[in-house]
Structure formats: structure tokens, C-alpha cells
Amino acid sequence: MVDPNYISGAVWLLCGLAILYLGYLIAIRGRADLHQNYDDESPVDPAYVSRWAGGTALLMGVLVVVYAIREMLYGFQPYALGALVVTLLVLSYVTKLFARGYGYRG
């Protein structure tokens, strides 16, 4: 029988890789239009959105991958999952702000 921590860790790893891929498309490939809160009609430069919102998405993906590896090695601990979820919620809000042009000085 497979340890449930490995299964859960593998699921988190796949989710983290998906987030990393989307962050790569936004940050590296310049696909700011992939972000839900980015408006093509806004005066915000797409390069700004790609750099900041995509970079934040990359950070989110790295955090999820690190959590997945930690869970596979040390098992499930509720405080670690809680810290990850709260961090992802905060970073999700930050990336929405960047996609809307917060801090943009055009």
C-alpha cells in the first residue's frame, strides 16, 4: 500500500507544476492576457503585468512545489498546509492588483 503522504504530495506537486507553467507563460513568454484580471483595453503596459503578476505566479508555484516535497518527506502537518493556503490567498490578491495596474507608472 502506498503512503497517503506520497499521494497527497504528488497531487500538490502536479498542481505546483501547473501553476509554474502558467506563471512561465505569463512572466517569461509575456502572455499577460492569460491573467483573468488583466484588461487589454486598460492603459497598463502588458510587460509590467507580465513581469509582476507572472513573477508572483512563479513564486506561488515554487511554494506549492516546496510544500509538496515537504509533505512527501515529513508527512501531513496542518499548520504547514494552513500556512501555504494563507500565503497563496495573499499572493493571489497581490497578483490581481498587479494585473489591474497597481503600482504602474506609465
PDB file of N, CA and C in Angstrom:
ATOM      1  N   MET A   1       0.844  -1.170   0.000  1.00  0.00           N
ATOM      2  CA  MET A   1       0.000   0.000   0.000  1.00  0.00           C
ATOM      3  C   MET A   1       0.899   1.246   0.000  1.00  0.00           C
ATOM      4  N   VAL A   2       0.458   2.238  -0.736  1.00  0.00           N
ATOM      5  CA  VAL A   2       1.220   3.476  -0.858  1.00  0.00           C
ATOM      6  C   VAL A   2       0.854   4.411   0.291  1.00  0.00           C
ATOM      7  N   ASP A   3       1.858   5.046   0.842  1.00  0.00           N
ATOM      8  CA  ASP A   3       1.645   6.005   1.919  1.00  0.00           C
ATOM      9  C   ASP A   3       0.802   7.178   1.408  1.00  0.00           C
ATOM     10  N   PRO A   4      -0.263   7.554   2.104  1.00  0.00           N
ATOM     11  CA  PRO A   4      -1.112   8.664   1.648  1.00  0.00           C
ATOM     12  C   PRO A   4      -0.358   9.987   1.491  1.00  0.00           C
ATOM     13  N   ASN A   5       0.731  10.146   2.245  1.00  0.00           N
ATOM     14  CA  ASN A   5       1.519  11.381   2.118  1.00  0.00           C
ATOM     15  C   ASN A   5       2.154  11.485   0.735  1.00  0.00           C
ATOM     16  N   TYR A   6       2.525  10.345   0.159  1.00  0.00           N
ATOM     17  CA  TYR A   6       3.087  10.362  -1.196  1.00  0.00           C
ATOM     18  C   TYR A   6       2.030  10.728  -2.233  1.00  0.00           C
ATOM     19  N   ILE A   7       0.835  10.210  -2.049  1.00  0.00           N
ATOM     20  CA  ILE A   7      -0.246  10.525  -2.991  1.00  0.00           C
ATOM     21  C   ILE A   7      -0.609  11.993  -2.894  1.00  0.00           C
ATOM     22  N   SER A   8      -0.803  12.486  -1.687  1.00  0.00           N
ATOM     23  CA  SER A   8      -1.130  13.892  -1.497  1.00  0.00           C
ATOM     24  C   SER A   8      -0.005  14.790  -1.991  1.00  0.00           C
ATOM     25  N   GLY A   9       1.220  14.403  -1.692  1.00  0.00           N
ATOM     26  CA  GLY A   9       2.365  15.174  -2.174  1.00  0.00           C
ATOM     27  C   GLY A   9       2.444  15.200  -3.687  1.00  0.00           C
ATOM     28  N   ALA A  10       2.113  14.073  -4.326  1.00  0.00           N
ATOM     29  CA  ALA A  10       2.127  14.029  -5.791  1.00  0.00           C
ATOM     30  C   ALA A  10       1.054  14.934  -6.385  1.00  0.00           C
ATOM     31  N   VAL A  11      -0.108  14.978  -5.749  1.00  0.00           N
ATOM     32  CA  VAL A  11      -1.176  15.870  -6.222  1.00  0.00           C
ATOM     33  C   VAL A  11      -0.743  17.329  -6.078  1.00  0.00           C
ATOM     34  N   TRP A  12      -0.166  17.670  -4.941  1.00  0.00           N
ATOM     35  CA  TRP A  12       0.331  19.037  -4.745  1.00  0.00           C
ATOM     36  C   TRP A  12       1.445  19.359  -5.733  1.00  0.00           C
ATOM     37  N   LEU A  13       2.284  18.382  -6.031  1.00  0.00           N
ATOM     38  CA  LEU A  13       3.361  18.593  -6.986  1.00  0.00           C
ATOM     39  C   LEU A  13       2.808  18.883  -8.381  1.00  0.00           C
ATOM     40  N   LEU A  14       1.810  18.125  -8.806  1.00  0.00           N
ATOM     41  CA  LEU A  14       1.187  18.384 -10.110  1.00  0.00           C
ATOM     42  C   LEU A  14       0.536  19.763 -10.158  1.00  0.00           C
ATOM     43  N   CYS A  15      -0.129  20.143  -9.074  1.00  0.00           N
ATOM     44  CA  CYS A  15      -0.737  21.482  -9.022  1.00  0.00           C
ATOM     45  C   CYS A  15       0.342  22.565  -9.073  1.00  0.00           C
ATOM     46  N   GLY A  16       1.420  22.355  -8.352  1.00  0.00           N
ATOM     47  CA  GLY A  16       2.510  23.321  -8.365  1.00  0.00           C
ATOM     48  C   GLY A  16       3.144  23.453  -9.735  1.00  0.00           C
ATOM     49  N   LEU A  17       3.298  22.335 -10.435  1.00  0.00           N
ATOM     50  CA  LEU A  17       3.858  22.385 -11.781  1.00  0.00           C
ATOM     51  C   LEU A  17       2.921  23.105 -12.747  1.00  0.00           C
ATOM     52  N   ALA A  18       1.617  22.915 -12.574  1.00  0.00           N
ATOM     53  CA  ALA A  18       0.645  23.630 -13.415  1.00  0.00           C
ATOM     54  C   ALA A  18       0.723  25.137 -13.162  1.00  0.00           C
ATOM     55  N   ILE A  19       0.839  25.530 -11.893  1.00  0.00           N
ATOM     56  CA  ILE A  19       0.966  26.948 -11.563  1.00  0.00           C
ATOM     57  C   ILE A  19       2.271  27.505 -12.122  1.00  0.00           C
ATOM     58  N   LEU A  20       3.344  26.738 -12.011  1.00  0.00           N
ATOM     59  CA  LEU A  20       4.621  27.177 -12.566  1.00  0.00           C
ATOM     60  C   LEU A  20       4.543  27.359 -14.081  1.00  0.00           C
ATOM     61  N   TYR A  21       3.850  26.463 -14.758  1.00  0.00           N
ATOM     62  CA  TYR A  21       3.727  26.581 -16.212  1.00  0.00           C
ATOM     63  C   TYR A  21       2.948  27.835 -16.597  1.00  0.00           C
ATOM     64  N   LEU A  22       1.854  28.093 -15.904  1.00  0.00           N
ATOM     65  CA  LEU A  22       1.092  29.310 -16.195  1.00  0.00           C
ATOM     66  C   LEU A  22       1.891  30.560 -15.846  1.00  0.00           C
ATOM     67  N   GLY A  23       2.625  30.515 -14.733  1.00  0.00           N
ATOM     68  CA  GLY A  23       3.491  31.643 -14.388  1.00  0.00           C
ATOM     69  C   GLY A  23       4.575  31.855 -15.418  1.00  0.00           C
ATOM     70  N   TYR A  24       5.102  30.758 -15.963  1.00  0.00           N
ATOM     71  CA  TYR A  24       6.100  30.851 -17.024  1.00  0.00           C
ATOM     72  C   TYR A  24       5.508  31.514 -18.260  1.00  0.00           C
ATOM     73  N   LEU A  25       4.310  31.098 -18.642  1.00  0.00           N
ATOM     74  CA  LEU A  25       3.681  31.695 -19.819  1.00  0.00           C
ATOM     75  C   LEU A  25       3.447  33.195 -19.630  1.00  0.00           C
ATOM     76  N   ILE A  26       3.042  33.581 -18.438  1.00  0.00           N
ATOM     77  CA  ILE A  26       2.761  34.997 -18.184  1.00  0.00           C
ATOM     78  C   ILE A  26       4.056  35.782 -18.036  1.00  0.00           C
ATOM     79  N   ALA A  27       4.983  35.298 -17.220  1.00  0.00           N
ATOM     80  CA  ALA A  27       6.187  36.072 -16.905  1.00  0.00           C
ATOM     81  C   ALA A  27       7.238  36.027 -18.006  1.00  0.00           C
ATOM     82  N   ILE A  28       7.536  34.870 -18.522  1.00  0.00           N
ATOM     83  CA  ILE A  28       8.634  34.712 -19.468  1.00  0.00           C
ATOM     84  C   ILE A  28       8.175  34.926 -20.908  1.00  0.00           C
ATOM     85  N   ARG A  29       7.050  34.355 -21.254  1.00  0.00           N
ATOM     86  CA  ARG A  29       6.563  34.456 -22.623  1.00  0.00           C
ATOM     87  C   ARG A  29       5.743  35.719 -22.876  1.00  0.00           C
ATOM     88  N   GLY A  30       5.440  36.491 -21.831  1.00  0.00           N
ATOM     89  CA  GLY A  30       4.744  37.762 -21.995  1.00  0.00           C
ATOM     90  C   GLY A  30       3.267  37.646 -22.297  1.00  0.00           C
ATOM     91  N   ARG A  31       2.629  36.582 -21.848  1.00  0.00           N
ATOM     92  CA  ARG A  31       1.213  36.368 -22.120  1.00  0.00           C
ATOM     93  C   ARG A  31       0.363  36.926 -20.977  1.00  0.00           C
ATOM     94  N   ALA A  32       0.373  38.241 -20.837  1.00  0.00           N
ATOM     95  CA  ALA A  32      -0.399  38.886 -19.773  1.00  0.00           C
ATOM     96  C   ALA A  32      -1.892  38.647 -19.957  1.00  0.00           C
ATOM     97  N   ASP A  33      -2.318  38.389 -21.177  1.00  0.00           N
ATOM     98  CA  ASP A  33      -3.736  38.157 -21.442  1.00  0.00           C
ATOM     99  C   ASP A  33      -4.255  36.881 -20.788  1.00  0.00           C
ATOM    100  N   LEU A  34      -3.381  36.011 -20.320  1.00  0.00           N
ATOM    101  CA  LEU A  34      -3.824  34.792 -19.641  1.00  0.00           C
ATOM    102  C   LEU A  34      -4.326  35.062 -18.231  1.00  0.00           C
ATOM    103  N   HIS A  35      -3.949  36.204 -17.670  1.00  0.00           N
ATOM    104  CA  HIS A  35      -4.414  36.535 -16.319  1.00  0.00           C
ATOM    105  C   HIS A  35      -5.848  37.036 -16.389  1.00  0.00           C
ATOM    106  N   GLN A  36      -6.674  36.524 -15.510  1.00  0.00           N
ATOM    107  CA  GLN A  36      -8.098  36.836 -15.528  1.00  0.00           C
ATOM    108  C   GLN A  36      -8.368  38.321 -15.324  1.00  0.00           C
ATOM    109  N   ASN A  37      -7.632  38.987 -14.498  1.00  0.00           N
ATOM    110  CA  ASN A  37      -7.908  40.377 -14.154  1.00  0.00           C
ATOM    111  C   ASN A  37      -7.215  41.391 -15.064  1.00  0.00           C
ATOM    112  N   TYR A  38      -6.492  40.932 -16.057  1.00  0.00           N
ATOM    113  CA  TYR A  38      -5.852  41.851 -16.983  1.00  0.00           C
ATOM    114  C   TYR A  38      -6.845  42.235 -18.076  1.00  0.00           C
ATOM    115  N   ASP A  39      -6.930  43.545 -18.340  1.00  0.00           N
ATOM    116  CA  ASP A  39      -7.834  44.050 -19.365  1.00  0.00           C
ATOM    117  C   ASP A  39      -6.997  44.617 -20.506  1.00  0.00           C
ATOM    118  N   ASP A  40      -7.230  44.110 -21.711  1.00  0.00           N
ATOM    119  CA  ASP A  40      -6.482  44.590 -22.880  1.00  0.00           C
ATOM    120  C   ASP A  40      -6.752  46.059 -23.168  1.00  0.00           C
ATOM    121  N   GLU A  41      -7.892  46.558 -22.749  1.00  0.00           N
ATOM    122  CA  GLU A  41      -8.276  47.939 -23.009  1.00  0.00           C
ATOM    123  C   GLU A  41      -7.660  48.923 -22.012  1.00  0.00           C
ATOM    124  N   SER A  42      -7.087  48.426 -20.929  1.00  0.00           N
ATOM    125  CA  SER A  42      -6.543  49.313 -19.899  1.00  0.00           C
ATOM    126  C   SER A  42      -5.222  49.930 -20.371  1.00  0.00           C
ATOM    127  N   PRO A  43      -4.843  51.066 -19.797  1.00  0.00           N
ATOM    128  CA  PRO A  43      -3.588  51.706 -20.193  1.00  0.00           C
ATOM    129  C   PRO A  43      -2.338  51.053 -19.586  1.00  0.00           C
ATOM    130  N   VAL A  44      -2.511  49.989 -18.851  1.00  0.00           N
ATOM    131  CA  VAL A  44      -1.390  49.317 -18.200  1.00  0.00           C
ATOM    132  C   VAL A  44      -0.575  48.565 -19.255  1.00  0.00           C
ATOM    133  N   ASP A  45       0.733  48.734 -19.173  1.00  0.00           N
ATOM    134  CA  ASP A  45       1.637  48.076 -20.104  1.00  0.00           C
ATOM    135  C   ASP A  45       1.622  46.562 -19.864  1.00  0.00           C
ATOM    136  N   PRO A  46       1.430  45.756 -20.918  1.00  0.00           N
ATOM    137  CA  PRO A  46       1.422  44.297 -20.738  1.00  0.00           C
ATOM    138  C   PRO A  46       2.752  43.758 -20.193  1.00  0.00           C
ATOM    139  N   ALA A  47       3.857  44.424 -20.497  1.00  0.00           N
ATOM    140  CA  ALA A  47       5.149  43.973 -19.968  1.00  0.00           C
ATOM    141  C   ALA A  47       5.195  44.119 -18.450  1.00  0.00           C
ATOM    142  N   TYR A  48       4.582  45.181 -17.930  1.00  0.00           N
ATOM    143  CA  TYR A  48       4.524  45.381 -16.478  1.00  0.00           C
ATOM    144  C   TYR A  48       3.720  44.251 -15.831  1.00  0.00           C
ATOM    145  N   VAL A  49       2.564  43.963 -16.421  1.00  0.00           N
ATOM    146  CA  VAL A  49       1.710  42.898 -15.881  1.00  0.00           C
ATOM    147  C   VAL A  49       2.436  41.557 -15.969  1.00  0.00           C
ATOM    148  N   SER A  50       3.088  41.322 -17.085  1.00  0.00           N
ATOM    149  CA  SER A  50       3.800  40.051 -17.244  1.00  0.00           C
ATOM    150  C   SER A  50       4.896  39.904 -16.204  1.00  0.00           C
ATOM    151  N   ARG A  51       5.643  40.970 -15.993  1.00  0.00           N
ATOM    152  CA  ARG A  51       6.765  40.902 -15.058  1.00  0.00           C
ATOM    153  C   ARG A  51       6.284  40.675 -13.628  1.00  0.00           C
ATOM    154  N   TRP A  52       5.323  41.464 -13.171  1.00  0.00           N
ATOM    155  CA  TRP A  52       4.944  41.412 -11.764  1.00  0.00           C
ATOM    156  C   TRP A  52       3.907  40.339 -11.453  1.00  0.00           C
ATOM    157  N   ALA A  53       2.853  40.262 -12.239  1.00  0.00           N
ATOM    158  CA  ALA A  53       1.837  39.231 -11.980  1.00  0.00           C
ATOM    159  C   ALA A  53       2.396  37.849 -12.293  1.00  0.00           C
ATOM    160  N   GLY A  54       3.172  37.748 -13.374  1.00  0.00           N
ATOM    161  CA  GLY A  54       3.780  36.467 -13.713  1.00  0.00           C
ATOM    162  C   GLY A  54       4.827  36.039 -12.711  1.00  0.00           C
ATOM    163  N   GLY A  55       5.612  36.990 -12.235  1.00  0.00           N
ATOM    164  CA  GLY A  55       6.610  36.677 -11.209  1.00  0.00           C
ATOM    165  C   GLY A  55       5.968  36.203  -9.918  1.00  0.00           C
ATOM    166  N   THR A  56       4.854  36.818  -9.568  1.00  0.00           N
ATOM    167  CA  THR A  56       4.129  36.385  -8.371  1.00  0.00           C
ATOM    168  C   THR A  56       3.561  34.987  -8.570  1.00  0.00           C
ATOM    169  N   ALA A  57       3.073  34.704  -9.767  1.00  0.00           N
ATOM    170  CA  ALA A  57       2.564  33.357 -10.058  1.00  0.00           C
ATOM    171  C   ALA A  57       3.692  32.322  -9.992  1.00  0.00           C
ATOM    172  N   LEU A  58       4.860  32.688 -10.470  1.00  0.00           N
ATOM    173  CA  LEU A  58       6.010  31.777 -10.362  1.00  0.00           C
ATOM    174  C   LEU A  58       6.353  31.503  -8.896  1.00  0.00           C
ATOM    175  N   LEU A  59       6.312  32.539  -8.075  1.00  0.00           N
ATOM    176  CA  LEU A  59       6.564  32.359  -6.643  1.00  0.00           C
ATOM    177  C   LEU A  59       5.532  31.420  -6.030  1.00  0.00           C
ATOM    178  N   MET A  60       4.271  31.579  -6.414  1.00  0.00           N
ATOM    179  CA  MET A  60       3.223  30.692  -5.901  1.00  0.00           C
ATOM    180  C   MET A  60       3.494  29.246  -6.306  1.00  0.00           C
ATOM    181  N   GLY A  61       3.903  29.032  -7.539  1.00  0.00           N
ATOM    182  CA  GLY A  61       4.195  27.680  -7.988  1.00  0.00           C
ATOM    183  C   GLY A  61       5.360  27.057  -7.244  1.00  0.00           C
ATOM    184  N   VAL A  62       6.395  27.847  -7.004  1.00  0.00           N
ATOM    185  CA  VAL A  62       7.551  27.340  -6.260  1.00  0.00           C
ATOM    186  C   VAL A  62       7.144  26.966  -4.838  1.00  0.00           C
ATOM    187  N   LEU A  63       6.313  27.785  -4.205  1.00  0.00           N
ATOM    188  CA  LEU A  63       5.862  27.479  -2.845  1.00  0.00           C
ATOM    189  C   LEU A  63       5.066  26.177  -2.796  1.00  0.00           C
ATOM    190  N   VAL A  64       4.220  25.952  -3.790  1.00  0.00           N
ATOM    191  CA  VAL A  64       3.425  24.718  -3.810  1.00  0.00           C
ATOM    192  C   VAL A  64       4.328  23.505  -4.040  1.00  0.00           C
ATOM    193  N   VAL A  65       5.312  23.618  -4.917  1.00  0.00           N
ATOM    194  CA  VAL A  65       6.237  22.506  -5.155  1.00  0.00           C
ATOM    195  C   VAL A  65       7.049  22.209  -3.892  1.00  0.00           C
ATOM    196  N   VAL A  66       7.509  23.252  -3.217  1.00  0.00           N
ATOM    197  CA  VAL A  66       8.264  23.047  -1.967  1.00  0.00           C
ATOM    198  C   VAL A  66       7.386  22.378  -0.916  1.00  0.00           C
ATOM    199  N   TYR A  67       6.118  22.808  -0.835  1.00  0.00           N
ATOM    200  CA  TYR A  67       5.208  22.167   0.118  1.00  0.00           C
ATOM    201  C   TYR A  67       5.006  20.697  -0.232  1.00  0.00           C
ATOM    202  N   ALA A  68       4.874  20.401  -1.517  1.00  0.00           N
ATOM    203  CA  ALA A  68       4.671  19.012  -1.943  1.00  0.00           C
ATOM    204  C   ALA A  68       5.854  18.141  -1.536  1.00  0.00           C
ATOM    205  N   ILE A  69       7.052  18.636  -1.755  1.00  0.00           N
ATOM    206  CA  ILE A  69       8.241  17.870  -1.382  1.00  0.00           C
ATOM    207  C   ILE A  69       8.316  17.710   0.132  1.00  0.00           C
ATOM    208  N   ARG A  70       7.983  18.771   0.866  1.00  0.00           N
ATOM    209  CA  ARG A  70       7.993  18.701   2.329  1.00  0.00           C
ATOM    210  C   ARG A  70       6.981  17.671   2.830  1.00  0.00           C
ATOM    211  N   GLU A  71       5.817  17.632   2.184  1.00  0.00           N
ATOM    212  CA  GLU A  71       4.806  16.673   2.629  1.00  0.00           C
ATOM    213  C   GLU A  71       5.226  15.237   2.321  1.00  0.00           C
ATOM    214  N   MET A  72       5.869  15.026   1.193  1.00  0.00           N
ATOM    215  CA  MET A  72       6.340  13.667   0.869  1.00  0.00           C
ATOM    216  C   MET A  72       7.427  13.205   1.841  1.00  0.00           C
ATOM    217  N   LEU A  73       8.249  14.136   2.286  1.00  0.00           N
ATOM    218  CA  LEU A  73       9.353  13.765   3.178  1.00  0.00           C
ATOM    219  C   LEU A  73       8.914  13.641   4.630  1.00  0.00           C
ATOM    220  N   TYR A  74       8.113  14.581   5.109  1.00  0.00           N
ATOM    221  CA  TYR A  74       7.794  14.651   6.536  1.00  0.00           C
ATOM    222  C   TYR A  74       6.351  14.343   6.886  1.00  0.00           C
ATOM    223  N   GLY A  75       5.495  14.166   5.897  1.00  0.00           N
ATOM    224  CA  GLY A  75       4.102  13.854   6.175  1.00  0.00           C
ATOM    225  C   GLY A  75       3.256  15.102   6.323  1.00  0.00           C
ATOM    226  N   PHE A  76       1.960  14.856   6.468  1.00  0.00           N
ATOM    227  CA  PHE A  76       1.000  15.955   6.581  1.00  0.00           C
ATOM    228  C   PHE A  76       1.061  16.591   7.961  1.00  0.00           C
ATOM    229  N   GLN A  77       1.098  17.926   7.955  1.00  0.00           N
ATOM    230  CA  GLN A  77       1.002  18.681   9.199  1.00  0.00           C
ATOM    231  C   GLN A  77       0.083  19.861   8.928  1.00  0.00           C
ATOM    232  N   PRO A  78      -0.978  19.989   9.717  1.00  0.00           N
ATOM    233  CA  PRO A  78      -1.997  21.001   9.435  1.00  0.00           C
ATOM    234  C   PRO A  78      -1.463  22.433   9.420  1.00  0.00           C
ATOM    235  N   TYR A  79      -0.517  22.739  10.268  1.00  0.00           N
ATOM    236  CA  TYR A  79      -0.013  24.115  10.304  1.00  0.00           C
ATOM    237  C   TYR A  79       0.713  24.470   9.011  1.00  0.00           C
ATOM    238  N   ALA A  80       1.393  23.501   8.419  1.00  0.00           N
ATOM    239  CA  ALA A  80       2.089  23.760   7.155  1.00  0.00           C
ATOM    240  C   ALA A  80       1.092  24.002   6.028  1.00  0.00           C
ATOM    241  N   LEU A  81       0.030  23.200   5.987  1.00  0.00           N
ATOM    242  CA  LEU A  81      -0.998  23.402   4.970  1.00  0.00           C
ATOM    243  C   LEU A  81      -1.706  24.739   5.177  1.00  0.00           C
ATOM    244  N   GLY A  82      -1.991  25.075   6.413  1.00  0.00           N
ATOM    245  CA  GLY A  82      -2.626  26.362   6.711  1.00  0.00           C
ATOM    246  C   GLY A  82      -1.752  27.534   6.287  1.00  0.00           C
ATOM    247  N   ALA A  83      -0.462  27.433   6.558  1.00  0.00           N
ATOM    248  CA  ALA A  83       0.455  28.499   6.150  1.00  0.00           C
ATOM    249  C   ALA A  83       0.506  28.621   4.638  1.00  0.00           C
ATOM    250  N   LEU A  84       0.506  27.486   3.939  1.00  0.00           N
ATOM    251  CA  LEU A  84       0.516  27.520   2.472  1.00  0.00           C
ATOM    252  C   LEU A  84      -0.748  28.167   1.929  1.00  0.00           C
ATOM    253  N   VAL A  85      -1.899  27.771   2.448  1.00  0.00           N
ATOM    254  CA  VAL A  85      -3.167  28.315   1.943  1.00  0.00           C
ATOM    255  C   VAL A  85      -3.259  29.821   2.186  1.00  0.00           C
ATOM    256  N   VAL A  86      -2.889  30.266   3.374  1.00  0.00           N
ATOM    257  CA  VAL A  86      -2.932  31.704   3.662  1.00  0.00           C
ATOM    258  C   VAL A  86      -1.954  32.461   2.762  1.00  0.00           C
ATOM    259  N   THR A  87      -0.768  31.927   2.572  1.00  0.00           N
ATOM    260  CA  THR A  87       0.216  32.571   1.700  1.00  0.00           C
ATOM    261  C   THR A  87      -0.288  32.640   0.264  1.00  0.00           C
ATOM    262  N   LEU A  88      -0.892  31.561  -0.223  1.00  0.00           N
ATOM    263  CA  LEU A  88      -1.423  31.567  -1.586  1.00  0.00           C
ATOM    264  C   LEU A  88      -2.573  32.546  -1.744  1.00  0.00           C
ATOM    265  N   LEU A  89      -3.414  32.679  -0.732  1.00  0.00           N
ATOM    266  CA  LEU A  89      -4.508  33.656  -0.797  1.00  0.00           C
ATOM    267  C   LEU A  89      -3.974  35.082  -0.877  1.00  0.00           C
ATOM    268  N   VAL A  90      -2.976  35.390  -0.071  1.00  0.00           N
ATOM    269  CA  VAL A  90      -2.382  36.730  -0.088  1.00  0.00           C
ATOM    270  C   VAL A  90      -1.710  37.000  -1.433  1.00  0.00           C
ATOM    271  N   LEU A  91      -0.933  36.041  -1.919  1.00  0.00           N
ATOM    272  CA  LEU A  91      -0.254  36.230  -3.205  1.00  0.00           C
ATOM    273  C   LEU A  91      -1.241  36.294  -4.361  1.00  0.00           C
ATOM    274  N   SER A  92      -2.346  35.585  -4.243  1.00  0.00           N
ATOM    275  CA  SER A  92      -3.374  35.668  -5.286  1.00  0.00           C
ATOM    276  C   SER A  92      -3.955  37.069  -5.351  1.00  0.00           C
ATOM    277  N   TYR A  93      -4.192  37.662  -4.193  1.00  0.00           N
ATOM    278  CA  TYR A  93      -4.692  39.037  -4.156  1.00  0.00           C
ATOM    279  C   TYR A  93      -3.664  40.012  -4.731  1.00  0.00           C
ATOM    280  N   VAL A  94      -2.394  39.794  -4.409  1.00  0.00           N
ATOM    281  CA  VAL A  94      -1.329  40.665  -4.910  1.00  0.00           C
ATOM    282  C   VAL A  94      -1.227  40.577  -6.427  1.00  0.00           C
ATOM    283  N   THR A  95      -1.316  39.368  -6.976  1.00  0.00           N
ATOM    284  CA  THR A  95      -1.222  39.231  -8.421  1.00  0.00           C
ATOM    285  C   THR A  95      -2.416  39.871  -9.134  1.00  0.00           C
ATOM    286  N   LYS A  96      -3.574  39.867  -8.504  1.00  0.00           N
ATOM    287  CA  LYS A  96      -4.736  40.565  -9.072  1.00  0.00           C
ATOM    288  C   LYS A  96      -4.494  42.069  -9.096  1.00  0.00           C
ATOM    289  N   LEU A  97      -3.886  42.587  -8.031  1.00  0.00           N
ATOM    290  CA  LEU A  97      -3.572  44.015  -8.011  1.00  0.00           C
ATOM    291  C   LEU A  97      -2.601  44.378  -9.129  1.00  0.00           C
ATOM    292  N   PHE A  98      -1.591  43.572  -9.325  1.00  0.00           N
ATOM    293  CA  PHE A  98      -0.631  43.837 -10.399  1.00  0.00           C
ATOM    294  C   PHE A  98      -1.292  43.761 -11.770  1.00  0.00           C
ATOM    295  N   ALA A  99      -2.194  42.811 -11.951  1.00  0.00           N
ATOM    296  CA  ALA A  99      -2.867  42.676 -13.246  1.00  0.00           C
ATOM    297  C   ALA A  99      -3.767  43.872 -13.536  1.00  0.00           C
ATOM    298  N   ARG A 100      -4.266  44.508 -12.499  1.00  0.00           N
ATOM    299  CA  ARG A 100      -5.096  45.700 -12.680  1.00  0.00           C
ATOM    300  C   ARG A 100      -4.281  46.967 -12.818  1.00  0.00           C
ATOM    301  N   GLY A 101      -2.959  46.871 -12.606  1.00  0.00           N
ATOM    302  CA  GLY A 101      -2.092  48.013 -12.801  1.00  0.00           C
ATOM    303  C   GLY A 101      -1.634  48.705 -11.553  1.00  0.00           C
ATOM    304  N   TYR A 102      -1.792  48.062 -10.393  1.00  0.00           N
ATOM    305  CA  TYR A 102      -1.351  48.688  -9.153  1.00  0.00           C
ATOM    306  C   TYR A 102       0.167  48.910  -9.206  1.00  0.00           C
ATOM    307  N   GLY A 103       0.586  50.130  -8.923  1.00  0.00           N
ATOM    308  CA  GLY A 103       2.000  50.472  -8.927  1.00  0.00           C
ATOM    309  C   GLY A 103       2.557  50.842 -10.288  1.00  0.00           C
ATOM    310  N   TYR A 104       1.723  50.796 -11.308  1.00  0.00           N
ATOM    311  CA  TYR A 104       2.191  51.108 -12.663  1.00  0.00           C
ATOM    312  C   TYR A 104       2.326  52.614 -12.816  1.00  0.00           C
ATOM    313  N   ARG A 105       3.478  53.041 -13.315  1.00  0.00           N
ATOM    314  CA  ARG A 105       3.708  54.449 -13.557  1.00  0.00           C
ATOM    315  C   ARG A 105       4.006  54.612 -15.030  1.00  0.00           C
ATOM    316  N   GLY A 106       2.943  54.762 -15.806  1.00  0.00           N
ATOM    317  CA  GLY A 106       3.082  54.834 -17.268  1.00  0.00           C
ATOM    318  C   GLY A 106       3.288  56.216 -17.685  1.00  0.00           C
TER     319      GLY A 106
END
